[in-house]
């Protein structure tokens, strides 16, 4: 999930995000990964929410992202109701968390998945 600036948006230097990148290189291989991805969640191209994400959100994000590998993709394509139940449980868990823009962003993503794969609006 990547957010890019809209046309006419003020310049962004990215320095607040760079502290969370971990780079690695070994011979011809090189790459990077976010050290704490839950801390960097945003719905749009915006400054990151200060502070660390709560552990319950980190766990919910990991579970949400896990749905987008096999067998989750097949389950969505087949309209499997068990995966829909998992999405509903994630929404309920998010609702129990304190207010935070990161939680709102993930809630939006879940609602979009439900609409895209199960034709359930909002």
Protein backbone atom coordinates (compact mmCIF):
# COMPACT_ATOMS: atom_id res chain seq x y z
CA UNK A 1 0.00 0.00 0.00
CA UNK A 2 1.62 3.17 -1.19
CA UNK A 3 0.38 6.75 -0.94
CA UNK A 4 1.68 9.25 -3.46
CA UNK A 5 1.30 13.04 -3.26
CA UNK A 6 -1.46 14.66 -5.26
CA UNK A 7 -0.66 17.24 -7.91
CA UNK A 8 -0.03 20.62 -6.32
CA UNK A 9 0.66 19.13 -2.88
CA UNK A 10 3.51 20.67 -0.88
CA UNK A 11 6.90 19.00 -1.24
CA UNK A 12 7.56 16.11 1.13
CA UNK A 13 11.06 15.16 2.20
CA UNK A 14 10.23 11.79 3.76
CA UNK A 15 12.65 12.22 6.66
CA UNK A 16 10.06 11.16 9.25
CA UNK A 17 9.69 7.80 7.48
CA UNK A 18 13.35 7.06 6.84
CA UNK A 19 14.11 6.15 10.42
CA UNK A 20 11.86 3.07 10.02
CA UNK A 21 13.60 1.66 6.96
CA UNK A 22 16.01 -1.21 7.39
CA UNK A 23 18.31 -1.79 4.43
CA UNK A 24 20.29 -4.95 3.81
CA UNK A 25 22.83 -6.01 1.22
CA UNK A 26 24.60 -9.30 0.66
CA UNK A 27 26.63 -9.63 -2.50
CA UNK A 28 24.36 -8.98 -5.50
CA UNK A 29 21.21 -8.84 -3.32
CA UNK A 30 19.91 -5.72 -1.67
CA UNK A 31 16.56 -4.65 -0.30
CA UNK A 32 14.68 -2.77 2.35
CA UNK A 33 11.78 -3.34 4.73
CA UNK A 34 9.87 -1.20 7.19
CA UNK A 35 10.98 -1.96 10.73
CA UNK A 36 7.60 -1.06 12.30
CA UNK A 37 5.03 -0.98 9.48
CA UNK A 38 2.06 -0.40 11.81
CA UNK A 39 3.61 2.90 12.86
CA UNK A 40 3.63 4.07 9.23
CA UNK A 41 0.02 3.32 8.26
CA UNK A 42 -1.77 6.27 6.66
CA UNK A 43 -4.95 6.53 4.62
CA UNK A 44 -3.62 9.25 2.34
CA UNK A 45 -0.32 10.93 1.68
CA UNK A 46 0.10 12.68 5.00
CA UNK A 47 2.47 13.12 7.88
CA UNK A 48 2.72 10.00 9.98
CA UNK A 49 0.82 9.80 13.24
CA UNK A 50 3.23 10.52 16.08
CA UNK A 51 4.07 7.75 18.48
CA UNK A 52 4.01 4.01 18.18
CA UNK A 53 0.95 2.00 17.22
CA UNK A 54 -0.60 -0.02 20.04
CA UNK A 55 0.19 -3.73 20.09
CA UNK A 56 -3.43 -4.71 19.36
CA UNK A 57 -3.26 -2.67 16.13
CA UNK A 58 0.07 -4.24 15.16
CA UNK A 59 -1.50 -7.68 15.56
CA UNK A 60 -4.64 -6.69 13.62
CA UNK A 61 -2.55 -5.26 10.77
CA UNK A 62 -0.47 -8.44 10.55
CA UNK A 63 -3.65 -10.52 10.42
CA UNK A 64 -5.17 -8.24 7.76
CA UNK A 65 -2.07 -8.41 5.56
CA UNK A 66 -1.96 -12.19 6.00
CA UNK A 67 -5.31 -12.39 4.20
CA UNK A 68 -3.60 -11.29 0.98
CA UNK A 69 -1.48 -14.39 0.53
CA UNK A 70 -2.64 -17.93 -0.24
CA UNK A 71 -5.14 -19.24 0.74
CA UNK A 72 -6.77 -15.87 1.53
CA UNK A 73 -6.73 -14.69 -2.08
CA UNK A 74 -8.47 -17.88 -3.26
CA UNK A 75 -11.02 -17.52 -0.46
CA UNK A 76 -11.83 -13.95 -1.52
CA UNK A 77 -12.10 -14.95 -5.18
CA UNK A 78 -14.50 -17.73 -4.20
CA UNK A 79 -16.57 -15.41 -1.98
CA UNK A 80 -15.79 -17.61 1.02
CA UNK A 81 -17.94 -16.56 3.99
CA UNK A 82 -15.24 -17.59 6.50
CA UNK A 83 -12.94 -14.85 5.23
CA UNK A 84 -15.80 -12.36 5.43
CA UNK A 85 -16.24 -13.34 9.08
CA UNK A 86 -12.53 -12.69 9.67
CA UNK A 87 -12.88 -9.22 8.13
CA UNK A 88 -15.86 -8.54 10.41
CA UNK A 89 -13.87 -9.65 13.44
CA UNK A 90 -11.04 -7.30 12.45
CA UNK A 91 -13.51 -4.41 12.16
CA UNK A 92 -14.81 -5.20 15.64
CA UNK A 93 -11.28 -5.30 17.07
CA UNK A 94 -10.48 -1.93 15.49
CA UNK A 95 -13.63 -0.42 16.94
CA UNK A 96 -12.44 -1.37 20.42
CA UNK A 97 -9.12 0.47 20.02
CA UNK A 98 -8.56 4.10 21.03
CA UNK A 99 -8.99 6.78 18.36
CA UNK A 100 -6.04 6.90 15.97
CA UNK A 101 -5.80 7.82 12.26
CA UNK A 102 -3.97 4.54 11.60
CA UNK A 103 -7.00 2.61 12.85
CA UNK A 104 -9.28 4.69 10.60
CA UNK A 105 -7.06 3.92 7.60
CA UNK A 106 -7.21 0.19 8.20
CA UNK A 107 -10.97 0.35 8.76
CA UNK A 108 -11.27 2.02 5.34
CA UNK A 109 -9.14 -0.72 3.74
CA UNK A 110 -11.27 -3.48 5.29
CA UNK A 111 -14.49 -1.84 4.15
CA UNK A 112 -13.04 -1.54 0.64
CA UNK A 113 -12.10 -5.22 0.56
CA UNK A 114 -15.63 -6.15 1.67
CA UNK A 115 -17.09 -3.99 -1.07
CA UNK A 116 -14.68 -5.15 -3.79
CA UNK A 117 -14.82 -8.89 -3.06
CA UNK A 118 -18.20 -9.39 -1.38
CA UNK A 119 -20.28 -6.48 -2.77
CA UNK A 120 -21.00 -5.26 0.77
CA UNK A 121 -21.02 -1.48 0.91
CA UNK A 122 -19.92 0.32 4.09
